[in-house]
Amino acid sequence: MSRSREAPLGAAPARARPAAAADSAGAAALWMTGAVASFSLMAVAGRELSGRLDTFEIMLYRSVLGFALVAGFGWGTGRLAALRMTGLGLHLLRNVLHFIGQNLWFLAVGLIPLAQVFAFEFTTPIWVAVLAPLVLGEAMTRARLTAAAAGFVGILLVARPGVTPIEPGHAAAALAAVFFAGSFLTTKKLSRNVTTFIILFWMTGMQSVFGLATAGFDGDVVWPTGDAALWVAVAGVCGLTAHLCITSALQRAPAAVVAPMDFARLPLIAVVGMVLYGEPLEVAVFAGGLVILAGNMLNIRAERRRARGGAA
């Protein structure tokens, strides 16, 4: 996660402003409530659409709806005028990675318990830490290696190979986290020069084209009707609101504060899966999720110390 949410230049140290820090943490918590709700609703939408639409069709309709919303917002606020054709290669790479990752995520949602999908998704920041030296030229530190080891142990606890059979959904969820990490790293490079609006514009626009090409590859595109159309709308809107809420939370509090809030997704989606789909509450999933969270937190704290001139 980004470290750009630290206090601005000229601001008093955080310990000198406890009230402001508390207000910022409270605002971040409200935004993260929206993010947790958005991710959970998107997972339920994916489960409800599973078997009725394939993942490419879900991505097609989700992206088209997202593009309409982003383009409409850009037109209404004058942001469309800031669009440029530069950097399209990096946008293309970012969106290919995200498109693959999101398809794998929707596939996993339809195959394995929702809590397991979310637990695997929490390894994304760890993959970011591991891949950053290769993609961004950053140093490989002991903290990053330890976080990667914690992520691997967490995956083993969640999947429990040898105790329960490894299913295609587990592989899909694990690979989705890797592709999401690649998307995150390319987004980090893009964000140095372009705004969030431009990233979202090209994301929804390009992925609408990808969705059309892949959904129509077999010559049979299913049009969502009835409640399927409603769930498609939920997936499209929640995909955007989740991104907006997390970005807004990180603007108000450091990643070390936001990351534990994001972990609330796991127990919530476990309860949702139990109530709606009869999925069991598994101690191993929570244990694995906690190990993965611990690895993320260790790396976040080390990155903050390194940014301030300390040892990582």
C-alpha atoms as a PDB file:
ATOM      1  CA  MET A   1       0.000   0.000   0.000  1.00  0.00           C
ATOM      2  CA  SER A   2       1.100   3.529  -0.606  1.00  0.00           C
ATOM      3  CA  ARG A   3       2.898   5.565   2.027  1.00  0.00           C
ATOM      4  CA  SER A   4       1.733   8.903   0.609  1.00  0.00           C
ATOM      5  CA  ARG A   5      -0.796   9.357   3.399  1.00  0.00           C
ATOM      6  CA  GLU A   6       1.799  10.595   5.925  1.00  0.00           C
ATOM      7  CA  ALA A   7       1.451  14.120   7.338  1.00  0.00           C
ATOM      8  CA  PRO A   8       2.161  16.877   4.740  1.00  0.00           C
ATOM      9  CA  LEU A   9       5.276  19.008   4.873  1.00  0.00           C
ATOM     10  CA  GLY A  10       5.086  21.645   7.549  1.00  0.00           C
ATOM     11  CA  ALA A  11       2.497  19.747   9.574  1.00  0.00           C
ATOM     12  CA  ALA A  12       3.076  19.041  13.236  1.00  0.00           C
ATOM     13  CA  PRO A  13       4.205  15.517  14.180  1.00  0.00           C
ATOM     14  CA  ALA A  14       1.339  13.085  14.674  1.00  0.00           C
ATOM     15  CA  ARG A  15       2.009  12.783  18.424  1.00  0.00           C
ATOM     16  CA  ALA A  16       1.510  16.547  18.773  1.00  0.00           C
ATOM     17  CA  ARG A  17      -1.920  16.414  17.177  1.00  0.00           C
ATOM     18  CA  PRO A  18      -3.817  13.549  18.837  1.00  0.00           C
ATOM     19  CA  ALA A  19      -7.234  15.036  18.096  1.00  0.00           C
ATOM     20  CA  ALA A  20      -6.444  15.472  14.387  1.00  0.00           C
ATOM     21  CA  ALA A  21      -5.007  11.958  14.233  1.00  0.00           C
ATOM     22  CA  ALA A  22      -8.122  10.543  15.880  1.00  0.00           C
ATOM     23  CA  ASP A  23     -10.356  12.448  13.455  1.00  0.00           C
ATOM     24  CA  SER A  24      -8.357  11.135  10.490  1.00  0.00           C
ATOM     25  CA  ALA A  25      -8.519   7.565  11.781  1.00  0.00           C
ATOM     26  CA  GLY A  26     -12.265   7.932  12.309  1.00  0.00           C
ATOM     27  CA  ALA A  27     -12.762   9.231   8.772  1.00  0.00           C
ATOM     28  CA  ALA A  28     -10.609   6.410   7.405  1.00  0.00           C
ATOM     29  CA  ALA A  29     -12.695   3.901   9.346  1.00  0.00           C
ATOM     30  CA  LEU A  30     -15.889   5.253   7.766  1.00  0.00           C
ATOM     31  CA  TRP A  31     -14.393   4.989   4.281  1.00  0.00           C
ATOM     32  CA  MET A  32     -13.160   1.471   4.994  1.00  0.00           C
ATOM     33  CA  THR A  33     -16.661   0.508   6.119  1.00  0.00           C
ATOM     34  CA  GLY A  34     -17.774   1.438   2.619  1.00  0.00           C
ATOM     35  CA  ALA A  35     -14.901  -0.544   1.088  1.00  0.00           C
ATOM     36  CA  VAL A  36     -15.673  -3.656   3.152  1.00  0.00           C
ATOM     37  CA  ALA A  37     -19.351  -3.438   2.206  1.00  0.00           C
ATOM     38  CA  SER A  38     -18.474  -2.922  -1.474  1.00  0.00           C
ATOM     39  CA  PHE A  39     -16.140  -5.919  -1.643  1.00  0.00           C
ATOM     40  CA  SER A  40     -18.639  -8.119   0.165  1.00  0.00           C
ATOM     41  CA  LEU A  41     -21.514  -7.114  -2.102  1.00  0.00           C
ATOM     42  CA  MET A  42     -19.339  -7.670  -5.179  1.00  0.00           C
ATOM     43  CA  ALA A  43     -18.500 -11.178  -3.952  1.00  0.00           C
ATOM     44  CA  VAL A  44     -22.186 -11.971  -3.388  1.00  0.00           C
ATOM     45  CA  ALA A  45     -22.984 -10.587  -6.852  1.00  0.00           C
ATOM     46  CA  GLY A  46     -20.297 -12.818  -8.360  1.00  0.00           C
ATOM     47  CA  ARG A  47     -21.689 -15.870  -6.552  1.00  0.00           C
ATOM     48  CA  GLU A  48     -25.264 -15.071  -7.666  1.00  0.00           C
ATOM     49  CA  LEU A  49     -24.137 -14.660 -11.281  1.00  0.00           C
ATOM     50  CA  SER A  50     -22.030 -17.826 -11.249  1.00  0.00           C
ATOM     51  CA  GLY A  51     -23.600 -20.431 -13.525  1.00  0.00           C
ATOM     52  CA  ARG A  52     -25.756 -17.855 -15.267  1.00  0.00           C
ATOM     53  CA  LEU A  53     -23.012 -15.733 -16.831  1.00  0.00           C
ATOM     54  CA  ASP A  54     -19.422 -16.727 -17.429  1.00  0.00           C
ATOM     55  CA  THR A  55     -16.673 -14.563 -15.944  1.00  0.00           C
ATOM     56  CA  PHE A  56     -15.979 -12.833 -19.263  1.00  0.00           C
ATOM     57  CA  GLU A  57     -19.628 -11.791 -19.544  1.00  0.00           C
ATOM     58  CA  ILE A  58     -19.598 -10.524 -15.950  1.00  0.00           C
ATOM     59  CA  MET A  59     -16.489  -8.474 -16.727  1.00  0.00           C
ATOM     60  CA  LEU A  60     -18.016  -7.162 -19.954  1.00  0.00           C
ATOM     61  CA  TYR A  61     -21.167  -5.796 -18.322  1.00  0.00           C
ATOM     62  CA  ARG A  62     -19.326  -4.647 -15.188  1.00  0.00           C
ATOM     63  CA  SER A  63     -16.785  -2.718 -17.282  1.00  0.00           C
ATOM     64  CA  VAL A  64     -19.330  -1.166 -19.636  1.00  0.00           C
ATOM     65  CA  LEU A  65     -21.379   0.075 -16.686  1.00  0.00           C
ATOM     66  CA  GLY A  66     -18.238   1.344 -14.973  1.00  0.00           C
ATOM     67  CA  PHE A  67     -17.129   3.141 -18.132  1.00  0.00           C
ATOM     68  CA  ALA A  68     -20.497   4.849 -18.472  1.00  0.00           C
ATOM     69  CA  LEU A  69     -20.297   6.054 -14.856  1.00  0.00           C
ATOM     70  CA  VAL A  70     -16.668   7.227 -15.101  1.00  0.00           C
ATOM     71  CA  ALA A  71     -17.145   8.910 -18.484  1.00  0.00           C
ATOM     72  CA  GLY A  72     -20.330  10.606 -17.268  1.00  0.00           C
ATOM     73  CA  PHE A  73     -18.516  11.894 -14.196  1.00  0.00           C
ATOM     74  CA  GLY A  74     -15.629  13.100 -16.334  1.00  0.00           C
ATOM     75  CA  TRP A  75     -17.946  14.894 -18.741  1.00  0.00           C
ATOM     76  CA  GLY A  76     -19.883  16.547 -15.932  1.00  0.00           C
ATOM     77  CA  THR A  77     -16.748  17.767 -14.131  1.00  0.00           C
ATOM     78  CA  GLY A  78     -14.658  18.684 -17.170  1.00  0.00           C
ATOM     79  CA  ARG A  79     -12.044  16.000 -16.467  1.00  0.00           C
ATOM     80  CA  LEU A  80     -12.382  14.450 -19.931  1.00  0.00           C
ATOM     81  CA  ALA A  81     -10.395  17.397 -21.275  1.00  0.00           C
ATOM     82  CA  ALA A  82      -7.347  16.162 -19.332  1.00  0.00           C
ATOM     83  CA  LEU A  83      -7.250  12.830 -21.185  1.00  0.00           C
ATOM     84  CA  ARG A  84      -4.118  12.199 -23.231  1.00  0.00           C
ATOM     85  CA  MET A  85      -3.066   9.311 -25.447  1.00  0.00           C
ATOM     86  CA  THR A  86       0.380   9.134 -23.829  1.00  0.00           C
ATOM     87  CA  GLY A  87       1.346   6.158 -21.702  1.00  0.00           C
ATOM     88  CA  LEU A  88      -1.237   3.866 -23.284  1.00  0.00           C
ATOM     89  CA  GLY A  89       1.236   0.979 -23.307  1.00  0.00           C
ATOM     90  CA  LEU A  90       1.473   0.996 -19.520  1.00  0.00           C
ATOM     91  CA  HIS A  91      -2.305   1.417 -19.226  1.00  0.00           C
ATOM     92  CA  LEU A  92      -2.695  -1.593 -21.521  1.00  0.00           C
ATOM     93  CA  LEU A  93      -0.331  -3.722 -19.435  1.00  0.00           C
ATOM     94  CA  ARG A  94      -2.032  -2.683 -16.205  1.00  0.00           C
ATOM     95  CA  ASN A  95      -5.483  -3.522 -17.534  1.00  0.00           C
ATOM     96  CA  VAL A  96      -4.493  -6.873 -19.030  1.00  0.00           C
ATOM     97  CA  LEU A  97      -3.128  -7.886 -15.610  1.00  0.00           C
ATOM     98  CA  HIS A  98      -6.203  -6.581 -13.783  1.00  0.00           C
ATOM     99  CA  PHE A  99      -8.625  -8.137 -16.275  1.00  0.00           C
ATOM    100  CA  ILE A 100      -7.025 -11.567 -15.854  1.00  0.00           C
ATOM    101  CA  GLY A 101      -6.912 -11.200 -12.071  1.00  0.00           C
ATOM    102  CA  GLN A 102     -10.535 -10.092 -11.831  1.00  0.00           C
ATOM    103  CA  ASN A 103     -11.723 -12.953 -14.030  1.00  0.00           C
ATOM    104  CA  LEU A 104      -9.838 -15.410 -11.822  1.00  0.00           C
ATOM    105  CA  TRP A 105     -11.379 -13.776  -8.747  1.00  0.00           C
ATOM    106  CA  PHE A 106     -14.925 -14.130 -10.086  1.00  0.00           C
ATOM    107  CA  LEU A 107     -14.149 -17.737 -11.040  1.00  0.00           C
ATOM    108  CA  ALA A 108     -12.921 -18.480  -7.501  1.00  0.00           C
ATOM    109  CA  VAL A 109     -15.999 -16.816  -5.965  1.00  0.00           C
ATOM    110  CA  GLY A 110     -18.195 -19.364  -7.739  1.00  0.00           C
ATOM    111  CA  LEU A 111     -16.081 -22.387  -6.782  1.00  0.00           C
ATOM    112  CA  ILE A 112     -14.843 -22.112  -3.164  1.00  0.00           C
ATOM    113  CA  PRO A 113     -16.129 -20.541   0.082  1.00  0.00           C
ATOM    114  CA  LEU A 114     -16.110 -16.750  -0.005  1.00  0.00           C
ATOM    115  CA  ALA A 115     -13.931 -16.494   3.118  1.00  0.00           C
ATOM    116  CA  GLN A 116     -11.225 -18.539   1.402  1.00  0.00           C
ATOM    117  CA  VAL A 117     -11.295 -16.237  -1.628  1.00  0.00           C
ATOM    118  CA  PHE A 118     -10.819 -13.183   0.583  1.00  0.00           C
ATOM    119  CA  ALA A 119      -8.052 -14.840   2.597  1.00  0.00           C
ATOM    120  CA  PHE A 120      -6.116 -15.591  -0.590  1.00  0.00           C
ATOM    121  CA  GLU A 121      -6.722 -12.026  -1.798  1.00  0.00           C
ATOM    122  CA  PHE A 122      -4.979 -10.659   1.302  1.00  0.00           C
ATOM    123  CA  THR A 123      -1.704 -12.040  -0.080  1.00  0.00           C
ATOM    124  CA  THR A 124      -1.747  -9.367  -2.807  1.00  0.00           C
ATOM    125  CA  PRO A 125       0.302  -6.813  -0.776  1.00  0.00           C
ATOM    126  CA  ILE A 126       2.848  -9.542  -0.029  1.00  0.00           C
ATOM    127  CA  TRP A 127       3.213 -10.313  -3.728  1.00  0.00           C
ATOM    128  CA  VAL A 128       3.613  -6.570  -4.310  1.00  0.00           C
ATOM    129  CA  ALA A 129       6.499  -6.536  -1.825  1.00  0.00           C
ATOM    130  CA  VAL A 130       8.127  -9.535  -3.525  1.00  0.00           C
ATOM    131  CA  LEU A 131       7.671  -8.278  -7.093  1.00  0.00           C
ATOM    132  CA  ALA A 132       8.514  -4.602  -6.458  1.00  0.00           C
ATOM    133  CA  PRO A 133      12.298  -5.188  -6.711  1.00  0.00           C
ATOM    134  CA  LEU A 134      11.797  -6.715 -10.161  1.00  0.00           C
ATOM    135  CA  VAL A 135       9.257  -4.194 -11.468  1.00  0.00           C
ATOM    136  CA  LEU A 136      10.200  -0.957  -9.698  1.00  0.00           C
ATOM    137  CA  GLY A 137      13.842  -1.669  -8.872  1.00  0.00           C
ATOM    138  CA  GLU A 138      13.233  -1.437  -5.123  1.00  0.00           C
ATOM    139  CA  ALA A 139      15.446  -3.283  -2.644  1.00  0.00           C
ATOM    140  CA  MET A 140      14.550  -6.760  -1.419  1.00  0.00           C
ATOM    141  CA  THR A 141      14.609  -6.442   2.367  1.00  0.00           C
ATOM    142  CA  ARG A 142      14.432  -8.928   5.213  1.00  0.00           C
ATOM    143  CA  ALA A 143      10.975  -7.612   6.055  1.00  0.00           C
ATOM    144  CA  ARG A 144       9.730  -8.356   2.541  1.00  0.00           C
ATOM    145  CA  LEU A 145      11.152 -11.863   2.617  1.00  0.00           C
ATOM    146  CA  THR A 146       9.572 -12.452   6.030  1.00  0.00           C
ATOM    147  CA  ALA A 147       6.231 -11.140   4.765  1.00  0.00           C
ATOM    148  CA  ALA A 148       6.450 -13.480   1.770  1.00  0.00           C
ATOM    149  CA  ALA A 149       7.141 -16.423   4.094  1.00  0.00           C
ATOM    150  CA  ALA A 150       4.177 -15.437   6.283  1.00  0.00           C
ATOM    151  CA  GLY A 151       1.973 -15.250   3.193  1.00  0.00           C
ATOM    152  CA  PHE A 152       3.041 -18.731   2.117  1.00  0.00           C
ATOM    153  CA  VAL A 153       2.320 -20.145   5.584  1.00  0.00           C
ATOM    154  CA  GLY A 154      -1.060 -18.374   5.585  1.00  0.00           C
ATOM    155  CA  ILE A 155      -1.955 -19.905   2.224  1.00  0.00           C
ATOM    156  CA  LEU A 156      -1.081 -23.360   3.525  1.00  0.00           C
ATOM    157  CA  LEU A 157      -3.307 -22.815   6.565  1.00  0.00           C
ATOM    158  CA  VAL A 158      -6.217 -21.670   4.397  1.00  0.00           C
ATOM    159  CA  ALA A 159      -5.919 -24.346   1.696  1.00  0.00           C
ATOM    160  CA  ARG A 160      -4.667 -27.171   4.004  1.00  0.00           C
ATOM    161  CA  PRO A 161      -3.170 -29.358   1.258  1.00  0.00           C
ATOM    162  CA  GLY A 162      -3.195 -32.998   2.280  1.00  0.00           C
ATOM    163  CA  VAL A 163      -6.107 -32.417   4.656  1.00  0.00           C
ATOM    164  CA  THR A 164      -8.630 -31.126   2.141  1.00  0.00           C
ATOM    165  CA  PRO A 165      -8.397 -31.514  -1.649  1.00  0.00           C
ATOM    166  CA  ILE A 166      -6.934 -28.583  -3.582  1.00  0.00           C
ATOM    167  CA  GLU A 167      -9.583 -27.404  -6.016  1.00  0.00           C
ATOM    168  CA  PRO A 168      -9.378 -25.234  -9.147  1.00  0.00           C
ATOM    169  CA  GLY A 169     -10.966 -22.416  -7.131  1.00  0.00           C
ATOM    170  CA  HIS A 170      -7.957 -22.340  -4.794  1.00  0.00           C
ATOM    171  CA  ALA A 171      -5.572 -22.034  -7.730  1.00  0.00           C
ATOM    172  CA  ALA A 172      -7.759 -19.309  -9.265  1.00  0.00           C
ATOM    173  CA  ALA A 173      -7.836 -17.293  -6.032  1.00  0.00           C
ATOM    174  CA  ALA A 174      -4.077 -17.644  -5.496  1.00  0.00           C
ATOM    175  CA  LEU A 175      -3.284 -16.599  -9.080  1.00  0.00           C
ATOM    176  CA  ALA A 176      -5.740 -13.702  -8.868  1.00  0.00           C
ATOM    177  CA  ALA A 177      -3.695 -12.262  -5.994  1.00  0.00           C
ATOM    178  CA  VAL A 178      -0.526 -12.422  -8.125  1.00  0.00           C
ATOM    179  CA  PHE A 179      -2.173 -10.649 -11.065  1.00  0.00           C
ATOM    180  CA  PHE A 180      -3.696  -8.047  -8.712  1.00  0.00           C
ATOM    181  CA  ALA A 181      -0.176  -7.403  -7.412  1.00  0.00           C
ATOM    182  CA  GLY A 182       1.061  -6.805 -10.951  1.00  0.00           C
ATOM    183  CA  SER A 183      -1.862  -4.455 -11.537  1.00  0.00           C
ATOM    184  CA  PHE A 184      -1.035  -2.600  -8.306  1.00  0.00           C
ATOM    185  CA  LEU A 185       2.620  -2.121  -9.301  1.00  0.00           C
ATOM    186  CA  THR A 186       1.763  -0.781 -12.757  1.00  0.00           C
ATOM    187  CA  THR A 187      -0.846   1.485 -11.157  1.00  0.00           C
ATOM    188  CA  LYS A 188       1.869   2.803  -8.842  1.00  0.00           C
ATOM    189  CA  LYS A 189       4.010   3.669 -11.857  1.00  0.00           C
ATOM    190  CA  LEU A 190       1.066   5.302 -13.630  1.00  0.00           C
ATOM    191  CA  SER A 191       0.031   7.339 -10.585  1.00  0.00           C
ATOM    192  CA  ARG A 192       3.322   9.229 -10.714  1.00  0.00           C
ATOM    193  CA  ASN A 193       2.073  11.070 -13.791  1.00  0.00           C
ATOM    194  CA  VAL A 194      -1.698  10.633 -14.111  1.00  0.00           C
ATOM    195  CA  THR A 195      -4.760  11.052 -11.909  1.00  0.00           C
ATOM    196  CA  THR A 196      -7.025   8.371 -10.480  1.00  0.00           C
ATOM    197  CA  PHE A 197      -9.760   9.469 -12.888  1.00  0.00           C
ATOM    198  CA  ILE A 198      -7.545   8.821 -15.923  1.00  0.00           C
ATOM    199  CA  ILE A 199      -6.548   5.404 -14.575  1.00  0.00           C
ATOM    200  CA  LEU A 200     -10.200   4.487 -14.017  1.00  0.00           C
ATOM    201  CA  PHE A 201     -11.229   5.837 -17.430  1.00  0.00           C
ATOM    202  CA  TRP A 202      -8.739   3.686 -19.302  1.00  0.00           C
ATOM    203  CA  MET A 203      -9.378   0.749 -16.985  1.00  0.00           C
ATOM    204  CA  THR A 204     -13.112   0.614 -17.614  1.00  0.00           C
ATOM    205  CA  GLY A 205     -12.745   1.543 -21.295  1.00  0.00           C
ATOM    206  CA  MET A 206     -10.055  -1.017 -22.133  1.00  0.00           C
ATOM    207  CA  GLN A 207     -11.650  -3.750 -20.074  1.00  0.00           C
ATOM    208  CA  SER A 208     -14.957  -3.176 -21.844  1.00  0.00           C
ATOM    209  CA  VAL A 209     -13.138  -4.029 -25.083  1.00  0.00           C
ATOM    210  CA  PHE A 210     -11.413  -7.034 -23.471  1.00  0.00           C
ATOM    211  CA  GLY A 211     -14.760  -8.224 -22.120  1.00  0.00           C
ATOM    212  CA  LEU A 212     -16.466  -7.908 -25.490  1.00  0.00           C
ATOM    213  CA  ALA A 213     -13.666  -9.799 -27.239  1.00  0.00           C
ATOM    214  CA  THR A 214     -13.528 -12.643 -24.721  1.00  0.00           C
ATOM    215  CA  ALA A 215     -17.248 -12.933 -23.992  1.00  0.00           C
ATOM    216  CA  GLY A 216     -18.035 -13.033 -27.695  1.00  0.00           C
ATOM    217  CA  PHE A 217     -15.219 -15.421 -28.611  1.00  0.00           C
ATOM    218  CA  ASP A 218     -17.551 -18.422 -28.620  1.00  0.00           C
ATOM    219  CA  GLY A 219     -20.244 -16.498 -30.505  1.00  0.00           C
ATOM    220  CA  ASP A 220     -22.683 -16.784 -27.613  1.00  0.00           C
ATOM    221  CA  VAL A 221     -23.061 -13.764 -25.324  1.00  0.00           C
ATOM    222  CA  VAL A 222     -25.768 -14.106 -22.676  1.00  0.00           C
ATOM    223  CA  TRP A 223     -27.724 -10.934 -21.942  1.00  0.00           C
ATOM    224  CA  PRO A 224     -28.511 -10.542 -18.212  1.00  0.00           C
ATOM    225  CA  THR A 225     -32.218 -10.384 -17.460  1.00  0.00           C
ATOM    226  CA  GLY A 226     -34.292 -10.191 -14.305  1.00  0.00           C
ATOM    227  CA  ASP A 227     -32.315 -10.295 -11.082  1.00  0.00           C
ATOM    228  CA  ALA A 228     -29.123 -11.116 -13.032  1.00  0.00           C
ATOM    229  CA  ALA A 229     -29.191  -7.573 -14.412  1.00  0.00           C
ATOM    230  CA  LEU A 230     -29.472  -6.253 -10.858  1.00  0.00           C
ATOM    231  CA  TRP A 231     -26.463  -8.299  -9.704  1.00  0.00           C
ATOM    232  CA  VAL A 232     -24.448  -7.103 -12.706  1.00  0.00           C
ATOM    233  CA  ALA A 233     -25.236  -3.538 -11.660  1.00  0.00           C
ATOM    234  CA  VAL A 234     -24.162  -4.318  -8.088  1.00  0.00           C
ATOM    235  CA  ALA A 235     -20.847  -5.756  -9.339  1.00  0.00           C
ATOM    236  CA  GLY A 236     -20.222  -2.733 -11.561  1.00  0.00           C
ATOM    237  CA  VAL A 237     -21.039  -0.070  -8.995  1.00  0.00           C
ATOM    238  CA  CYS A 238     -19.288  -1.827  -6.103  1.00  0.00           C
ATOM    239  CA  GLY A 239     -16.137  -2.303  -8.160  1.00  0.00           C
ATOM    240  CA  LEU A 240     -15.862   1.489  -8.435  1.00  0.00           C
ATOM    241  CA  THR A 241     -16.980   2.331  -4.898  1.00  0.00           C
ATOM    242  CA  ALA A 242     -14.496  -0.145  -3.387  1.00  0.00           C
ATOM    243  CA  HIS A 243     -11.646   1.572  -5.228  1.00  0.00           C
ATOM    244  CA  LEU A 244     -12.904   5.021  -4.233  1.00  0.00           C
ATOM    245  CA  CYS A 245     -13.350   4.093  -0.568  1.00  0.00           C
ATOM    246  CA  ILE A 246      -9.910   2.524  -0.156  1.00  0.00           C
ATOM    247  CA  THR A 247      -8.219   5.462  -1.912  1.00  0.00           C
ATOM    248  CA  SER A 248     -10.100   7.909   0.302  1.00  0.00           C
ATOM    249  CA  ALA A 249      -9.226   5.950   3.458  1.00  0.00           C
ATOM    250  CA  LEU A 250      -5.533   5.930   2.538  1.00  0.00           C
ATOM    251  CA  GLN A 251      -5.657   9.679   1.982  1.00  0.00           C
ATOM    252  CA  ARG A 252      -6.764  10.114   5.592  1.00  0.00           C
ATOM    253  CA  ALA A 253      -4.663   7.551   7.451  1.00  0.00           C
ATOM    254  CA  PRO A 254      -1.417   5.604   6.935  1.00  0.00           C
ATOM    255  CA  ALA A 255      -1.488   2.148   5.412  1.00  0.00           C
ATOM    256  CA  ALA A 256      -0.555   0.685   8.811  1.00  0.00           C
ATOM    257  CA  VAL A 257      -3.889   1.997  10.150  1.00  0.00           C
ATOM    258  CA  VAL A 258      -5.987   1.065   7.123  1.00  0.00           C
ATOM    259  CA  ALA A 259      -4.681  -2.510   6.659  1.00  0.00           C
ATOM    260  CA  PRO A 260      -6.212  -3.897   9.894  1.00  0.00           C
ATOM    261  CA  MET A 261      -9.513  -2.237   8.996  1.00  0.00           C
ATOM    262  CA  ASP A 262      -9.459  -3.989   5.627  1.00  0.00           C
ATOM    263  CA  PHE A 263      -9.053  -7.297   7.448  1.00  0.00           C
ATOM    264  CA  ALA A 264     -12.635  -6.866   8.710  1.00  0.00           C
ATOM    265  CA  ARG A 265     -13.674  -8.147   5.297  1.00  0.00           C
ATOM    266  CA  LEU A 266     -12.730 -11.692   6.266  1.00  0.00           C
ATOM    267  CA  PRO A 267     -15.024 -12.262   9.276  1.00  0.00           C
ATOM    268  CA  LEU A 268     -17.834 -10.340   7.558  1.00  0.00           C
ATOM    269  CA  ILE A 269     -17.710 -12.379   4.359  1.00  0.00           C
ATOM    270  CA  ALA A 270     -17.417 -15.579   6.437  1.00  0.00           C
ATOM    271  CA  VAL A 271     -20.695 -14.715   8.163  1.00  0.00           C
ATOM    272  CA  VAL A 272     -22.294 -13.744   4.839  1.00  0.00           C
ATOM    273  CA  GLY A 273     -21.198 -17.062   3.328  1.00  0.00           C
ATOM    274  CA  MET A 274     -22.599 -18.961   6.317  1.00  0.00           C
ATOM    275  CA  VAL A 275     -25.956 -17.158   6.311  1.00  0.00           C
ATOM    276  CA  LEU A 276     -26.570 -17.053   2.551  1.00  0.00           C
ATOM    277  CA  TYR A 277     -24.835 -20.207   1.322  1.00  0.00           C
ATOM    278  CA  GLY A 278     -24.414 -22.466   4.340  1.00  0.00           C
ATOM    279  CA  GLU A 279     -20.612 -22.257   4.218  1.00  0.00           C
ATOM    280  CA  PRO A 280     -18.928 -23.403   7.456  1.00  0.00           C
ATOM    281  CA  LEU A 281     -16.933 -21.026   9.658  1.00  0.00           C
ATOM    282  CA  GLU A 282     -13.447 -22.549   9.519  1.00  0.00           C
ATOM    283  CA  VAL A 283     -10.865 -21.723  12.185  1.00  0.00           C
ATOM    284  CA  ALA A 284      -8.066 -22.533   9.727  1.00  0.00           C
ATOM    285  CA  VAL A 285      -9.220 -19.769   7.353  1.00  0.00           C
ATOM    286  CA  PHE A 286      -9.149 -17.167  10.135  1.00  0.00           C
ATOM    287  CA  ALA A 287      -5.769 -18.439  11.377  1.00  0.00           C
ATOM    288  CA  GLY A 288      -4.328 -18.237   7.878  1.00  0.00           C
ATOM    289  CA  GLY A 289      -5.807 -14.793   7.373  1.00  0.00           C
ATOM    290  CA  LEU A 290      -4.247 -13.569  10.622  1.00  0.00           C
ATOM    291  CA  VAL A 291      -0.819 -14.892   9.594  1.00  0.00           C
ATOM    292  CA  ILE A 292      -1.136 -13.141   6.230  1.00  0.00           C
ATOM    293  CA  LEU A 293      -2.224  -9.922   7.973  1.00  0.00           C
ATOM    294  CA  ALA A 294       0.763 -10.159  10.322  1.00  0.00           C
ATOM    295  CA  GLY A 295       3.083 -10.447   7.335  1.00  0.00           C
ATOM    296  CA  ASN A 296       1.453  -7.419   5.703  1.00  0.00           C
ATOM    297  CA  MET A 297       1.708  -5.362   8.884  1.00  0.00           C
ATOM    298  CA  LEU A 298       5.381  -6.278   9.375  1.00  0.00           C
ATOM    299  CA  ASN A 299       6.211  -5.148   5.869  1.00  0.00           C
ATOM    300  CA  ILE A 300       4.171  -1.928   6.147  1.00  0.00           C
ATOM    301  CA  ARG A 301       5.912  -0.930   9.382  1.00  0.00           C
ATOM    302  CA  ALA A 302       9.340  -1.747   7.939  1.00  0.00           C
ATOM    303  CA  GLU A 303       8.606   0.321   4.823  1.00  0.00           C
ATOM    304  CA  ARG A 304       7.571   3.278   6.980  1.00  0.00           C
ATOM    305  CA  ARG A 305      10.816   3.042   8.991  1.00  0.00           C
ATOM    306  CA  ARG A 306      12.852   2.786   5.813  1.00  0.00           C
ATOM    307  CA  ALA A 307      11.100   5.827   4.350  1.00  0.00           C
ATOM    308  CA  ARG A 308      12.068   7.784   7.473  1.00  0.00           C
ATOM    309  CA  GLY A 309      15.686   6.759   7.204  1.00  0.00           C
ATOM    310  CA  GLY A 310      15.647   3.743   9.542  1.00  0.00           C
ATOM    311  CA  ALA A 311      16.654   0.163   8.870  1.00  0.00           C
ATOM    312  CA  ALA A 312      14.142  -2.053   7.088  1.00  0.00           C
END
